[in-house]
Amino acid sequence: MSGYHTGSLYLRDPQGLISQFYHYPPNRNEIFPQPGDTDWKFHTATKTLPVGSAPGTWGLFEMNVTDRAENFKTHDFTETITFSVLE
């Protein structure tokens, strides 16, 4: 078994609250990878923050990536990546 299964992103809003979002690629529930699933590629995920989200500077503080064999890697971005939400 091989291939990307799940990504999770943890965002910290300007008030210090944490929100978690997931990224699920196509074919993630297949037991064995489909042709092309094991090829190296970039995955892009776009998440729209809910209405009423706090304006200001948000930060990506952690990202977890899991493969089909349930191996995982945690990346810590505390105080490294930020973005702004305008009112």
PDB file of N, CA and C in Angstrom:
ATOM      1  N   MET A   1       0.848  -1.175   0.000  1.00  0.00           N
ATOM      2  CA  MET A   1       0.000   0.000   0.000  1.00  0.00           C
ATOM      3  C   MET A   1       0.889   1.231   0.000  1.00  0.00           C
ATOM      4  N   SER A   2       0.466   2.187  -0.756  1.00  0.00           N
ATOM      5  CA  SER A   2       1.234   3.409  -0.848  1.00  0.00           C
ATOM      6  C   SER A   2       0.322   4.510  -1.351  1.00  0.00           C
ATOM      7  N   GLY A   3       0.738   5.722  -1.165  1.00  0.00           N
ATOM      8  CA  GLY A   3      -0.001   6.856  -1.699  1.00  0.00           C
ATOM      9  C   GLY A   3      -0.593   7.735  -0.615  1.00  0.00           C
ATOM     10  N   TYR A   4      -0.780   8.976  -0.981  1.00  0.00           N
ATOM     11  CA  TYR A   4      -1.340  10.000  -0.097  1.00  0.00           C
ATOM     12  C   TYR A   4      -2.777   9.656   0.267  1.00  0.00           C
ATOM     13  N   HIS A   5      -3.104   9.748   1.553  1.00  0.00           N
ATOM     14  CA  HIS A   5      -4.449   9.404   2.025  1.00  0.00           C
ATOM     15  C   HIS A   5      -5.201  10.610   2.574  1.00  0.00           C
ATOM     16  N   THR A   6      -4.597  11.364   3.481  1.00  0.00           N
ATOM     17  CA  THR A   6      -5.294  12.469   4.128  1.00  0.00           C
ATOM     18  C   THR A   6      -4.309  13.563   4.525  1.00  0.00           C
ATOM     19  N   GLY A   7      -4.763  14.791   4.426  1.00  0.00           N
ATOM     20  CA  GLY A   7      -4.005  15.918   4.948  1.00  0.00           C
ATOM     21  C   GLY A   7      -4.881  16.677   5.925  1.00  0.00           C
ATOM     22  N   SER A   8      -4.307  17.146   7.012  1.00  0.00           N
ATOM     23  CA  SER A   8      -5.077  17.985   7.937  1.00  0.00           C
ATOM     24  C   SER A   8      -4.274  19.245   8.242  1.00  0.00           C
ATOM     25  N   LEU A   9      -4.985  20.354   8.264  1.00  0.00           N
ATOM     26  CA  LEU A   9      -4.379  21.662   8.499  1.00  0.00           C
ATOM     27  C   LEU A   9      -4.969  22.255   9.763  1.00  0.00           C
ATOM     28  N   TYR A  10      -4.121  22.790  10.602  1.00  0.00           N
ATOM     29  CA  TYR A  10      -4.570  23.469  11.817  1.00  0.00           C
ATOM     30  C   TYR A  10      -4.262  24.952  11.663  1.00  0.00           C
ATOM     31  N   LEU A  11      -5.313  25.773  11.725  1.00  0.00           N
ATOM     32  CA  LEU A  11      -5.164  27.216  11.596  1.00  0.00           C
ATOM     33  C   LEU A  11      -5.440  27.881  12.937  1.00  0.00           C
ATOM     34  N   ARG A  12      -4.666  28.921  13.235  1.00  0.00           N
ATOM     35  CA  ARG A  12      -4.889  29.707  14.453  1.00  0.00           C
ATOM     36  C   ARG A  12      -5.395  31.079  14.018  1.00  0.00           C
ATOM     37  N   ASP A  13      -6.565  31.474  14.542  1.00  0.00           N
ATOM     38  CA  ASP A  13      -7.120  32.775  14.168  1.00  0.00           C
ATOM     39  C   ASP A  13      -6.510  33.878  15.033  1.00  0.00           C
ATOM     40  N   PRO A  14      -6.809  35.151  14.730  1.00  0.00           N
ATOM     41  CA  PRO A  14      -6.211  36.256  15.483  1.00  0.00           C
ATOM     42  C   PRO A  14      -6.544  36.245  16.977  1.00  0.00           C
ATOM     43  N   GLN A  15      -7.607  35.539  17.358  1.00  0.00           N
ATOM     44  CA  GLN A  15      -7.989  35.463  18.766  1.00  0.00           C
ATOM     45  C   GLN A  15      -7.357  34.262  19.465  1.00  0.00           C
ATOM     46  N   GLY A  16      -6.565  33.480  18.728  1.00  0.00           N
ATOM     47  CA  GLY A  16      -5.887  32.334  19.314  1.00  0.00           C
ATOM     48  C   GLY A  16      -6.665  31.032  19.242  1.00  0.00           C
ATOM     49  N   LEU A  17      -7.858  31.050  18.635  1.00  0.00           N
ATOM     50  CA  LEU A  17      -8.659  29.831  18.515  1.00  0.00           C
ATOM     51  C   LEU A  17      -8.135  28.970  17.373  1.00  0.00           C
ATOM     52  N   ILE A  18      -8.244  27.659  17.534  1.00  0.00           N
ATOM     53  CA  ILE A  18      -7.722  26.705  16.559  1.00  0.00           C
ATOM     54  C   ILE A  18      -8.874  26.116  15.747  1.00  0.00           C
ATOM     55  N   SER A  19      -8.679  26.027  14.432  1.00  0.00           N
ATOM     56  CA  SER A  19      -9.638  25.371  13.541  1.00  0.00           C
ATOM     57  C   SER A  19      -8.892  24.311  12.753  1.00  0.00           C
ATOM     58  N   GLN A  20      -9.522  23.157  12.562  1.00  0.00           N
ATOM     59  CA  GLN A  20      -8.902  22.077  11.801  1.00  0.00           C
ATOM     60  C   GLN A  20      -9.684  21.851  10.517  1.00  0.00           C
ATOM     61  N   PHE A  21      -8.965  21.692   9.420  1.00  0.00           N
ATOM     62  CA  PHE A  21      -9.563  21.422   8.126  1.00  0.00           C
ATOM     63  C   PHE A  21      -8.862  20.215   7.522  1.00  0.00           C
ATOM     64  N   TYR A  22      -9.599  19.430   6.745  1.00  0.00           N
ATOM     65  CA  TYR A  22      -9.043  18.226   6.129  1.00  0.00           C
ATOM     66  C   TYR A  22      -8.985  18.366   4.615  1.00  0.00           C
ATOM     67  N   HIS A  23      -8.043  17.653   4.012  1.00  0.00           N
ATOM     68  CA  HIS A  23      -7.959  17.538   2.553  1.00  0.00           C
ATOM     69  C   HIS A  23      -7.978  16.057   2.217  1.00  0.00           C
ATOM     70  N   TYR A  24      -8.942  15.663   1.371  1.00  0.00           N
ATOM     71  CA  TYR A  24      -9.072  14.267   0.962  1.00  0.00           C
ATOM     72  C   TYR A  24      -8.872  14.167  -0.546  1.00  0.00           C
ATOM     73  N   PRO A  25      -7.856  13.439  -1.001  1.00  0.00           N
ATOM     74  CA  PRO A  25      -7.651  13.291  -2.444  1.00  0.00           C
ATOM     75  C   PRO A  25      -8.623  12.269  -3.037  1.00  0.00           C
ATOM     76  N   PRO A  26      -8.797  12.295  -4.350  1.00  0.00           N
ATOM     77  CA  PRO A  26      -9.632  11.274  -4.992  1.00  0.00           C
ATOM     78  C   PRO A  26      -9.033   9.880  -4.753  1.00  0.00           C
ATOM     79  N   ASN A  27      -9.845   8.871  -4.750  1.00  0.00           N
ATOM     80  CA  ASN A  27      -9.433   7.460  -4.590  1.00  0.00           C
ATOM     81  C   ASN A  27      -8.822   7.148  -3.230  1.00  0.00           C
ATOM     82  N   ARG A  28      -8.998   7.987  -2.241  1.00  0.00           N
ATOM     83  CA  ARG A  28      -8.341   7.745  -0.952  1.00  0.00           C
ATOM     84  C   ARG A  28      -8.888   6.525  -0.232  1.00  0.00           C
ATOM     85  N   ASN A  29     -10.113   6.109  -0.547  1.00  0.00           N
ATOM     86  CA  ASN A  29     -10.713   4.968   0.145  1.00  0.00           C
ATOM     87  C   ASN A  29     -10.436   3.632  -0.534  1.00  0.00           C
ATOM     88  N   GLU A  30      -9.725   3.660  -1.645  1.00  0.00           N
ATOM     89  CA  GLU A  30      -9.337   2.410  -2.298  1.00  0.00           C
ATOM     90  C   GLU A  30      -8.260   1.735  -1.446  1.00  0.00           C
ATOM     91  N   ILE A  31      -8.362   0.420  -1.273  1.00  0.00           N
ATOM     92  CA  ILE A  31      -7.368  -0.291  -0.468  1.00  0.00           C
ATOM     93  C   ILE A  31      -6.001  -0.248  -1.143  1.00  0.00           C
ATOM     94  N   PHE A  32      -5.981  -0.483  -2.436  1.00  0.00           N
ATOM     95  CA  PHE A  32      -4.731  -0.441  -3.184  1.00  0.00           C
ATOM     96  C   PHE A  32      -4.749   0.763  -4.114  1.00  0.00           C
ATOM     97  N   PRO A  33      -3.594   1.366  -4.328  1.00  0.00           N
ATOM     98  CA  PRO A  33      -3.556   2.540  -5.194  1.00  0.00           C
ATOM     99  C   PRO A  33      -3.978   2.213  -6.622  1.00  0.00           C
ATOM    100  N   GLN A  34      -4.621   3.168  -7.243  1.00  0.00           N
ATOM    101  CA  GLN A  34      -5.005   3.057  -8.641  1.00  0.00           C
ATOM    102  C   GLN A  34      -3.826   3.518  -9.501  1.00  0.00           C
ATOM    103  N   PRO A  35      -3.829   3.195 -10.790  1.00  0.00           N
ATOM    104  CA  PRO A  35      -2.731   3.657 -11.648  1.00  0.00           C
ATOM    105  C   PRO A  35      -2.550   5.174 -11.528  1.00  0.00           C
ATOM    106  N   GLY A  36      -1.329   5.591 -11.305  1.00  0.00           N
ATOM    107  CA  GLY A  36      -1.025   7.013 -11.174  1.00  0.00           C
ATOM    108  C   GLY A  36      -1.068   7.530  -9.747  1.00  0.00           C
ATOM    109  N   ASP A  37      -1.696   6.787  -8.821  1.00  0.00           N
ATOM    110  CA  ASP A  37      -1.796   7.258  -7.434  1.00  0.00           C
ATOM    111  C   ASP A  37      -0.446   7.317  -6.727  1.00  0.00           C
ATOM    112  N   THR A  38       0.516   6.515  -7.166  1.00  0.00           N
ATOM    113  CA  THR A  38       1.815   6.501  -6.493  1.00  0.00           C
ATOM    114  C   THR A  38       2.826   7.436  -7.152  1.00  0.00           C
ATOM    115  N   ASP A  39       2.404   8.135  -8.209  1.00  0.00           N
ATOM    116  CA  ASP A  39       3.293   9.106  -8.849  1.00  0.00           C
ATOM    117  C   ASP A  39       3.429  10.330  -7.950  1.00  0.00           C
ATOM    118  N   TRP A  40       4.632  10.913  -7.912  1.00  0.00           N
ATOM    119  CA  TRP A  40       4.836  12.139  -7.146  1.00  0.00           C
ATOM    120  C   TRP A  40       4.055  13.261  -7.797  1.00  0.00           C
ATOM    121  N   LYS A  41       3.322  14.025  -7.004  1.00  0.00           N
ATOM    122  CA  LYS A  41       2.575  15.164  -7.528  1.00  0.00           C
ATOM    123  C   LYS A  41       2.292  16.143  -6.404  1.00  0.00           C
ATOM    124  N   PHE A  42       1.953  17.340  -6.775  1.00  0.00           N
ATOM    125  CA  PHE A  42       1.570  18.363  -5.812  1.00  0.00           C
ATOM    126  C   PHE A  42       0.067  18.302  -5.608  1.00  0.00           C
ATOM    127  N   HIS A  43      -0.362  18.474  -4.367  1.00  0.00           N
ATOM    128  CA  HIS A  43      -1.787  18.551  -4.055  1.00  0.00           C
ATOM    129  C   HIS A  43      -2.071  19.965  -3.574  1.00  0.00           C
ATOM    130  N   THR A  44      -3.108  20.554  -4.106  1.00  0.00           N
ATOM    131  CA  THR A  44      -3.505  21.892  -3.705  1.00  0.00           C
ATOM    132  C   THR A  44      -4.885  21.813  -3.072  1.00  0.00           C
ATOM    133  N   ALA A  45      -5.032  22.434  -1.926  1.00  0.00           N
ATOM    134  CA  ALA A  45      -6.326  22.466  -1.246  1.00  0.00           C
ATOM    135  C   ALA A  45      -6.698  23.919  -0.993  1.00  0.00           C
ATOM    136  N   THR A  46      -7.936  24.256  -1.272  1.00  0.00           N
ATOM    137  CA  THR A  46      -8.445  25.595  -1.003  1.00  0.00           C
ATOM    138  C   THR A  46      -9.582  25.471  -0.003  1.00  0.00           C
ATOM    139  N   LYS A  47      -9.529  26.253   1.034  1.00  0.00           N
ATOM    140  CA  LYS A  47     -10.573  26.221   2.057  1.00  0.00           C
ATOM    141  C   LYS A  47     -11.086  27.638   2.265  1.00  0.00           C
ATOM    142  N   THR A  48     -12.389  27.816   2.152  1.00  0.00           N
ATOM    143  CA  THR A  48     -13.004  29.109   2.411  1.00  0.00           C
ATOM    144  C   THR A  48     -13.396  29.155   3.879  1.00  0.00           C
ATOM    145  N   LEU A  49     -12.940  30.183   4.563  1.00  0.00           N
ATOM    146  CA  LEU A  49     -13.278  30.318   5.980  1.00  0.00           C
ATOM    147  C   LEU A  49     -14.763  30.636   6.120  1.00  0.00           C
ATOM    148  N   PRO A  50     -15.391  30.153   7.179  1.00  0.00           N
ATOM    149  CA  PRO A  50     -16.819  30.394   7.371  1.00  0.00           C
ATOM    150  C   PRO A  50     -17.142  31.880   7.546  1.00  0.00           C
ATOM    151  N   VAL A  51     -18.359  32.246   7.173  1.00  0.00           N
ATOM    152  CA  VAL A  51     -18.836  33.611   7.388  1.00  0.00           C
ATOM    153  C   VAL A  51     -18.722  33.922   8.875  1.00  0.00           C
ATOM    154  N   GLY A  52     -18.245  35.107   9.194  1.00  0.00           N
ATOM    155  CA  GLY A  52     -18.094  35.503  10.589  1.00  0.00           C
ATOM    156  C   GLY A  52     -16.732  35.172  11.167  1.00  0.00           C
ATOM    157  N   SER A  53     -15.829  34.616  10.339  1.00  0.00           N
ATOM    158  CA  SER A  53     -14.478  34.321  10.823  1.00  0.00           C
ATOM    159  C   SER A  53     -13.788  35.614  11.221  1.00  0.00           C
ATOM    160  N   ALA A  54     -12.966  35.539  12.233  1.00  0.00           N
ATOM    161  CA  ALA A  54     -12.292  36.726  12.758  1.00  0.00           C
ATOM    162  C   ALA A  54     -11.403  37.368  11.697  1.00  0.00           C
ATOM    163  N   PRO A  55     -11.545  38.691  11.485  1.00  0.00           N
ATOM    164  CA  PRO A  55     -10.638  39.371  10.569  1.00  0.00           C
ATOM    165  C   PRO A  55      -9.265  39.522  11.213  1.00  0.00           C
ATOM    166  N   GLY A  56      -8.257  39.667  10.395  1.00  0.00           N
ATOM    167  CA  GLY A  56      -6.907  39.843  10.910  1.00  0.00           C
ATOM    168  C   GLY A  56      -5.968  38.789  10.369  1.00  0.00           C
ATOM    169  N   THR A  57      -4.854  38.618  11.027  1.00  0.00           N
ATOM    170  CA  THR A  57      -3.820  37.698  10.567  1.00  0.00           C
ATOM    171  C   THR A  57      -4.023  36.311  11.169  1.00  0.00           C
ATOM    172  N   TRP A  58      -4.177  35.336  10.303  1.00  0.00           N
ATOM    173  CA  TRP A  58      -4.311  33.934  10.685  1.00  0.00           C
ATOM    174  C   TRP A  58      -2.975  33.250  10.439  1.00  0.00           C
ATOM    175  N   GLY A  59      -2.782  32.099  11.045  1.00  0.00           N
ATOM    176  CA  GLY A  59      -1.547  31.357  10.820  1.00  0.00           C
ATOM    177  C   GLY A  59      -1.795  29.872  10.651  1.00  0.00           C
ATOM    178  N   LEU A  60      -1.032  29.268   9.758  1.00  0.00           N
ATOM    179  CA  LEU A  60      -1.001  27.811   9.647  1.00  0.00           C
ATOM    180  C   LEU A  60       0.048  27.362  10.639  1.00  0.00           C
ATOM    181  N   PHE A  61      -0.361  26.655  11.689  1.00  0.00           N
ATOM    182  CA  PHE A  61       0.645  26.283  12.676  1.00  0.00           C
ATOM    183  C   PHE A  61       1.002  24.806  12.633  1.00  0.00           C
ATOM    184  N   GLU A  62       0.169  23.968  11.999  1.00  0.00           N
ATOM    185  CA  GLU A  62       0.533  22.555  11.902  1.00  0.00           C
ATOM    186  C   GLU A  62      -0.163  21.920  10.715  1.00  0.00           C
ATOM    187  N   MET A  63       0.543  20.997  10.063  1.00  0.00           N
ATOM    188  CA  MET A  63      -0.026  20.234   8.961  1.00  0.00           C
ATOM    189  C   MET A  63       0.407  18.781   9.129  1.00  0.00           C
ATOM    190  N   ASN A  64      -0.551  17.872   8.994  1.00  0.00           N
ATOM    191  CA  ASN A  64      -0.271  16.441   9.085  1.00  0.00           C
ATOM    192  C   ASN A  64      -0.593  15.790   7.749  1.00  0.00           C
ATOM    193  N   VAL A  65       0.271  14.888   7.314  1.00  0.00           N
ATOM    194  CA  VAL A  65       0.068  14.154   6.069  1.00  0.00           C
ATOM    195  C   VAL A  65       0.133  12.666   6.405  1.00  0.00           C
ATOM    196  N   THR A  66      -0.867  11.902   5.923  1.00  0.00           N
ATOM    197  CA  THR A  66      -0.943  10.469   6.196  1.00  0.00           C
ATOM    198  C   THR A  66      -1.032   9.711   4.876  1.00  0.00           C
ATOM    199  N   ASP A  67      -0.340   8.560   4.791  1.00  0.00           N
ATOM    200  CA  ASP A  67      -0.451   7.741   3.588  1.00  0.00           C
ATOM    201  C   ASP A  67      -1.386   6.559   3.840  1.00  0.00           C
ATOM    202  N   ARG A  68      -1.595   5.746   2.817  1.00  0.00           N
ATOM    203  CA  ARG A  68      -2.534   4.621   2.923  1.00  0.00           C
ATOM    204  C   ARG A  68      -2.113   3.584   3.959  1.00  0.00           C
ATOM    205  N   ALA A  69      -0.825   3.482   4.235  1.00  0.00           N
ATOM    206  CA  ALA A  69      -0.334   2.523   5.231  1.00  0.00           C
ATOM    207  C   ALA A  69      -0.367   3.118   6.641  1.00  0.00           C
ATOM    208  N   GLU A  70      -0.959   4.304   6.768  1.00  0.00           N
ATOM    209  CA  GLU A  70      -1.097   5.033   8.027  1.00  0.00           C
ATOM    210  C   GLU A  70       0.226   5.535   8.595  1.00  0.00           C
ATOM    211  N   ASN A  71       1.238   5.661   7.735  1.00  0.00           N
ATOM    212  CA  ASN A  71       2.434   6.398   8.124  1.00  0.00           C
ATOM    213  C   ASN A  71       2.047   7.865   8.093  1.00  0.00           C
ATOM    214  N   PHE A  72       2.612   8.662   8.974  1.00  0.00           N
ATOM    215  CA  PHE A  72       2.251  10.075   8.974  1.00  0.00           C
ATOM    216  C   PHE A  72       3.465  10.935   9.273  1.00  0.00           C
ATOM    217  N   LYS A  73       3.356  12.180   8.886  1.00  0.00           N
ATOM    218  CA  LYS A  73       4.392  13.170   9.155  1.00  0.00           C
ATOM    219  C   LYS A  73       3.700  14.440   9.611  1.00  0.00           C
ATOM    220  N   THR A  74       4.170  14.999  10.711  1.00  0.00           N
ATOM    221  CA  THR A  74       3.636  16.252  11.236  1.00  0.00           C
ATOM    222  C   THR A  74       4.643  17.358  10.970  1.00  0.00           C
ATOM    223  N   HIS A  75       4.159  18.451  10.399  1.00  0.00           N
ATOM    224  CA  HIS A  75       5.001  19.617  10.119  1.00  0.00           C
ATOM    225  C   HIS A  75       4.520  20.767  10.996  1.00  0.00           C
ATOM    226  N   ASP A  76       5.430  21.372  11.741  1.00  0.00           N
ATOM    227  CA  ASP A  76       5.097  22.462  12.655  1.00  0.00           C
ATOM    228  C   ASP A  76       5.504  23.790  12.025  1.00  0.00           C
ATOM    229  N   PHE A  77       4.519  24.656  11.797  1.00  0.00           N
ATOM    230  CA  PHE A  77       4.766  25.960  11.188  1.00  0.00           C
ATOM    231  C   PHE A  77       4.471  27.098  12.156  1.00  0.00           C
ATOM    232  N   THR A  78       4.493  26.846  13.442  1.00  0.00           N
ATOM    233  CA  THR A  78       4.160  27.871  14.424  1.00  0.00           C
ATOM    234  C   THR A  78       4.948  29.143  14.136  1.00  0.00           C
ATOM    235  N   GLU A  79       4.224  30.236  13.975  1.00  0.00           N
ATOM    236  CA  GLU A  79       4.796  31.565  13.735  1.00  0.00           C
ATOM    237  C   GLU A  79       5.637  31.638  12.466  1.00  0.00           C
ATOM    238  N   THR A  80       5.375  30.751  11.503  1.00  0.00           N
ATOM    239  CA  THR A  80       6.125  30.777  10.247  1.00  0.00           C
ATOM    240  C   THR A  80       5.260  31.246   9.090  1.00  0.00           C
ATOM    241  N   ILE A  81       4.043  30.707   8.972  1.00  0.00           N
ATOM    242  CA  ILE A  81       3.165  31.029   7.853  1.00  0.00           C
ATOM    243  C   ILE A  81       1.936  31.756   8.381  1.00  0.00           C
ATOM    244  N   THR A  82       1.670  32.946   7.844  1.00  0.00           N
ATOM    245  CA  THR A  82       0.483  33.705   8.235  1.00  0.00           C
ATOM    246  C   THR A  82      -0.204  34.247   6.985  1.00  0.00           C
ATOM    247  N   PHE A  83      -1.489  34.565   7.107  1.00  0.00           N
ATOM    248  CA  PHE A  83      -2.235  35.219   6.038  1.00  0.00           C
ATOM    249  C   PHE A  83      -3.281  36.102   6.677  1.00  0.00           C
ATOM    250  N   SER A  84      -3.754  37.100   5.948  1.00  0.00           N
ATOM    251  CA  SER A  84      -4.700  38.067   6.505  1.00  0.00           C
ATOM    252  C   SER A  84      -6.092  37.873   5.937  1.00  0.00           C
ATOM    253  N   VAL A  85      -7.092  38.046   6.788  1.00  0.00           N
ATOM    254  CA  VAL A  85      -8.495  38.031   6.392  1.00  0.00           C
ATOM    255  C   VAL A  85      -8.990  39.460   6.510  1.00  0.00           C
ATOM    256  N   LEU A  86      -9.505  39.998   5.420  1.00  0.00           N
ATOM    257  CA  LEU A  86      -9.986  41.376   5.422  1.00  0.00           C
ATOM    258  C   LEU A  86     -11.461  41.405   5.776  1.00  0.00           C
ATOM    259  N   GLU A  87     -11.886  42.465   6.439  1.00  0.00           N
ATOM    260  CA  GLU A  87     -13.299  42.597   6.815  1.00  0.00           C
ATOM    261  C   GLU A  87     -14.150  42.891   5.612  1.00  0.00           C
TER     262      GLU A  87
END
